[in-house]
Each structure stands twice: as structure tokens, then as C-alpha cells.
Amino acid sequence: MTLAADPHMNLSAPAEAHARPLSGKAASTDNVVEMILWMVPVVLLGLVLAVKTWGMVALTMFALPLVPLMFFFYIAISWP
């Protein structure tokens, strides 16, 4: 049976509405988690390609902005 032949199919509603029943905060949280889970392999792929192209300089440039982040992380976990 095709879409045109199905009389019960609601063609005015988008297909995403049926696939994602969540709304409000749950949907936005789901989108944030999904975005983060997609960003991790993209950043790792970029790092691998940068190391393949520029070598250790790419690792140095990647680690340099992480120094203050780790500094604040260590302060945060050791705060009484």
C-alpha cells in the first residue's frame, strides 16, 4: 500500500512528530546529549587528522587550552 492509497495517513503532520514523542525540557536535554555524543567523534577525528598532518605540534596546540581547564578542575574537586 502506498502513502497515497492509505486513507488513515495524516500527511499534514511532519514525520518527526511521530518519531519523537518528547516535548519541553526532555526533548531539549535529549538534543543536547545527542549533540555532545556527535561532537566527541568529530573532535577526535579532527585531532587525528591534525596529528597526521602536522605531528606533535597539533597535540601541543590541542593540549595548550586544556591547561587552565584542568587547573580549575583540580581546584573544584579539592575545594572543601
N, C-alpha and C. Protein backbone atom coordinates (compact mmCIF):
# COMPACT_ATOMS: atom_id res chain seq x y z
N MET A 1 0.85 -1.17 0.00
CA MET A 1 0.00 0.00 0.00
C MET A 1 0.89 1.23 0.00
N THR A 2 0.58 2.20 -0.81
CA THR A 2 1.35 3.42 -0.90
C THR A 2 0.80 4.48 0.03
N LEU A 3 1.55 5.58 0.21
CA LEU A 3 1.06 6.67 1.04
C LEU A 3 -0.21 7.29 0.47
N ALA A 4 -0.30 7.37 -0.83
CA ALA A 4 -1.47 7.97 -1.45
C ALA A 4 -2.70 7.09 -1.28
N ALA A 5 -2.51 5.78 -1.17
CA ALA A 5 -3.64 4.87 -1.06
C ALA A 5 -4.08 4.66 0.38
N ASP A 6 -3.29 5.11 1.36
CA ASP A 6 -3.64 4.92 2.77
C ASP A 6 -4.54 6.06 3.24
N PRO A 7 -5.81 5.80 3.50
CA PRO A 7 -6.72 6.89 3.90
C PRO A 7 -6.51 7.35 5.34
N HIS A 8 -5.82 6.57 6.17
CA HIS A 8 -5.64 6.91 7.58
C HIS A 8 -4.35 7.68 7.85
N MET A 9 -3.55 7.87 6.82
CA MET A 9 -2.27 8.56 6.98
C MET A 9 -2.50 10.06 7.07
N ASN A 10 -1.95 10.69 8.10
CA ASN A 10 -2.08 12.13 8.26
C ASN A 10 -0.88 12.78 7.58
N LEU A 11 -1.06 13.29 6.40
CA LEU A 11 0.05 13.85 5.63
C LEU A 11 0.40 15.27 6.04
N SER A 12 -0.46 15.92 6.80
CA SER A 12 -0.16 17.29 7.21
C SER A 12 0.81 17.34 8.39
N ALA A 13 0.92 16.27 9.17
CA ALA A 13 1.83 16.23 10.31
C ALA A 13 3.21 15.80 9.84
N PRO A 14 4.26 16.44 10.33
CA PRO A 14 5.61 16.02 9.94
C PRO A 14 5.95 14.65 10.50
N ALA A 15 6.83 13.96 9.82
CA ALA A 15 7.22 12.61 10.24
C ALA A 15 7.95 12.63 11.57
N GLU A 16 8.67 13.74 11.88
CA GLU A 16 9.40 13.82 13.14
C GLU A 16 8.48 13.82 14.35
N ALA A 17 7.28 14.31 14.17
CA ALA A 17 6.35 14.38 15.30
C ALA A 17 6.01 12.99 15.80
N HIS A 18 6.01 12.02 14.93
CA HIS A 18 5.70 10.65 15.34
C HIS A 18 6.93 9.93 15.87
N ALA A 19 8.09 10.34 15.43
CA ALA A 19 9.32 9.67 15.84
C ALA A 19 9.78 10.13 17.22
N ARG A 20 9.52 11.39 17.58
CA ARG A 20 9.97 11.94 18.85
C ARG A 20 8.77 12.42 19.67
N PRO A 21 8.29 11.57 20.58
CA PRO A 21 7.13 11.98 21.37
C PRO A 21 7.46 12.94 22.51
N LEU A 22 8.75 13.18 22.77
CA LEU A 22 9.14 14.03 23.88
C LEU A 22 8.88 15.48 23.56
N SER A 23 8.59 16.25 24.60
CA SER A 23 8.41 17.68 24.39
C SER A 23 8.98 18.42 25.60
N GLY A 24 9.25 19.68 25.43
CA GLY A 24 9.73 20.51 26.53
C GLY A 24 11.17 20.22 26.88
N LYS A 25 11.44 20.15 28.20
CA LYS A 25 12.81 20.01 28.69
C LYS A 25 13.41 18.66 28.32
N ALA A 26 12.60 17.61 28.30
CA ALA A 26 13.12 16.28 27.97
C ALA A 26 13.64 16.25 26.54
N ALA A 27 12.94 16.89 25.62
CA ALA A 27 13.38 16.91 24.23
C ALA A 27 14.66 17.72 24.08
N SER A 28 14.75 18.86 24.78
CA SER A 28 15.96 19.68 24.66
C SER A 28 17.16 18.97 25.29
N THR A 29 16.94 18.28 26.40
CA THR A 29 18.02 17.51 27.03
C THR A 29 18.48 16.40 26.10
N ASP A 30 17.54 15.75 25.45
CA ASP A 30 17.88 14.68 24.52
C ASP A 30 18.69 15.23 23.36
N ASN A 31 18.34 16.41 22.88
CA ASN A 31 19.08 17.02 21.77
C ASN A 31 20.49 17.41 22.20
N VAL A 32 20.65 17.89 23.42
CA VAL A 32 21.97 18.29 23.91
C VAL A 32 22.87 17.06 24.05
N VAL A 33 22.33 16.00 24.61
CA VAL A 33 23.11 14.77 24.76
C VAL A 33 23.50 14.22 23.40
N GLU A 34 22.56 14.24 22.47
CA GLU A 34 22.85 13.74 21.14
C GLU A 34 23.92 14.59 20.46
N MET A 35 23.86 15.90 20.64
CA MET A 35 24.85 16.79 20.04
C MET A 35 26.25 16.53 20.63
N ILE A 36 26.32 16.34 21.96
CA ILE A 36 27.61 16.07 22.60
C ILE A 36 28.16 14.74 22.12
N LEU A 37 27.30 13.74 22.01
CA LEU A 37 27.77 12.43 21.56
C LEU A 37 28.22 12.46 20.10
N TRP A 38 27.72 13.37 19.31
CA TRP A 38 28.20 13.52 17.94
C TRP A 38 29.46 14.36 17.88
N MET A 39 29.63 15.29 18.82
CA MET A 39 30.81 16.16 18.79
C MET A 39 32.09 15.42 19.19
N VAL A 40 31.97 14.43 20.07
CA VAL A 40 33.16 13.71 20.55
C VAL A 40 33.89 13.03 19.39
N PRO A 41 33.23 12.21 18.56
CA PRO A 41 33.99 11.60 17.46
C PRO A 41 34.45 12.60 16.41
N VAL A 42 33.70 13.68 16.22
CA VAL A 42 34.11 14.69 15.24
C VAL A 42 35.39 15.38 15.70
N VAL A 43 35.46 15.74 16.98
CA VAL A 43 36.67 16.38 17.51
C VAL A 43 37.85 15.40 17.49
N LEU A 44 37.60 14.15 17.85
CA LEU A 44 38.68 13.16 17.81
C LEU A 44 39.17 12.93 16.38
N LEU A 45 38.26 12.90 15.43
CA LEU A 45 38.67 12.75 14.03
C LEU A 45 39.50 13.94 13.58
N GLY A 46 39.07 15.14 13.98
CA GLY A 46 39.85 16.33 13.65
C GLY A 46 41.24 16.29 14.26
N LEU A 47 41.32 15.81 15.51
CA LEU A 47 42.63 15.71 16.17
C LEU A 47 43.52 14.69 15.47
N VAL A 48 42.95 13.56 15.10
CA VAL A 48 43.73 12.53 14.41
C VAL A 48 44.24 13.05 13.06
N LEU A 49 43.36 13.73 12.33
CA LEU A 49 43.80 14.28 11.04
C LEU A 49 44.85 15.38 11.22
N ALA A 50 44.72 16.18 12.27
CA ALA A 50 45.71 17.22 12.53
C ALA A 50 47.06 16.61 12.90
N VAL A 51 47.04 15.56 13.73
CA VAL A 51 48.31 14.90 14.10
C VAL A 51 48.92 14.24 12.87
N LYS A 52 48.09 13.66 12.02
CA LYS A 52 48.62 13.05 10.80
C LYS A 52 49.25 14.10 9.89
N THR A 53 48.68 15.30 9.88
CA THR A 53 49.20 16.36 9.01
C THR A 53 50.38 17.09 9.62
N TRP A 54 50.25 17.54 10.89
CA TRP A 54 51.27 18.41 11.50
C TRP A 54 52.09 17.73 12.59
N GLY A 55 51.73 16.55 13.02
CA GLY A 55 52.51 15.82 14.01
C GLY A 55 52.29 16.33 15.43
N MET A 56 53.37 16.38 16.20
CA MET A 56 53.30 16.72 17.63
C MET A 56 52.85 18.17 17.86
N VAL A 57 53.02 19.03 16.89
CA VAL A 57 52.57 20.42 17.04
C VAL A 57 51.07 20.46 17.24
N ALA A 58 50.33 19.61 16.56
CA ALA A 58 48.87 19.57 16.71
C ALA A 58 48.49 19.12 18.12
N LEU A 59 49.20 18.16 18.68
CA LEU A 59 48.92 17.73 20.06
C LEU A 59 49.21 18.85 21.05
N THR A 60 50.28 19.59 20.80
CA THR A 60 50.62 20.71 21.67
C THR A 60 49.54 21.79 21.61
N MET A 61 49.09 22.12 20.42
CA MET A 61 48.05 23.15 20.27
C MET A 61 46.72 22.69 20.85
N PHE A 62 46.47 21.39 20.85
CA PHE A 62 45.24 20.85 21.45
C PHE A 62 45.34 20.88 22.97
N ALA A 63 46.52 20.57 23.52
CA ALA A 63 46.68 20.49 24.97
C ALA A 63 46.82 21.86 25.63
N LEU A 64 47.28 22.85 24.89
CA LEU A 64 47.52 24.17 25.47
C LEU A 64 46.26 24.79 26.08
N PRO A 65 45.10 24.80 25.42
CA PRO A 65 43.92 25.39 26.08
C PRO A 65 43.35 24.53 27.20
N LEU A 66 43.77 23.28 27.28
CA LEU A 66 43.27 22.40 28.34
C LEU A 66 43.96 22.64 29.69
N VAL A 67 45.09 23.33 29.68
CA VAL A 67 45.84 23.57 30.92
C VAL A 67 45.01 24.38 31.92
N PRO A 68 44.43 25.53 31.56
CA PRO A 68 43.62 26.24 32.55
C PRO A 68 42.36 25.48 32.95
N LEU A 69 41.79 24.71 32.02
CA LEU A 69 40.61 23.92 32.37
C LEU A 69 40.94 22.88 33.42
N MET A 70 42.07 22.21 33.26
CA MET A 70 42.48 21.22 34.25
C MET A 70 42.84 21.90 35.58
N PHE A 71 43.41 23.07 35.52
CA PHE A 71 43.73 23.83 36.73
C PHE A 71 42.46 24.10 37.54
N PHE A 72 41.43 24.62 36.87
CA PHE A 72 40.16 24.89 37.56
C PHE A 72 39.45 23.61 37.99
N PHE A 73 39.61 22.54 37.21
CA PHE A 73 39.02 21.25 37.59
C PHE A 73 39.64 20.74 38.89
N TYR A 74 40.95 20.81 39.00
CA TYR A 74 41.61 20.34 40.22
C TYR A 74 41.25 21.21 41.44
N ILE A 75 41.11 22.49 41.22
CA ILE A 75 40.65 23.36 42.32
C ILE A 75 39.23 23.00 42.73
N ALA A 76 38.36 22.74 41.77
CA ALA A 76 36.96 22.44 42.06
C ALA A 76 36.82 21.14 42.83
N ILE A 77 37.59 20.11 42.48
CA ILE A 77 37.43 18.84 43.18
C ILE A 77 38.14 18.81 44.54
N SER A 78 39.08 19.73 44.74
CA SER A 78 39.76 19.74 46.04
C SER A 78 39.20 20.79 47.00
N TRP A 79 38.22 21.56 46.55
CA TRP A 79 37.62 22.59 47.42
C TRP A 79 36.90 21.92 48.58
N PRO A 80 37.12 22.39 49.82
CA PRO A 80 36.50 21.71 50.96
C PRO A 80 35.00 21.90 51.05
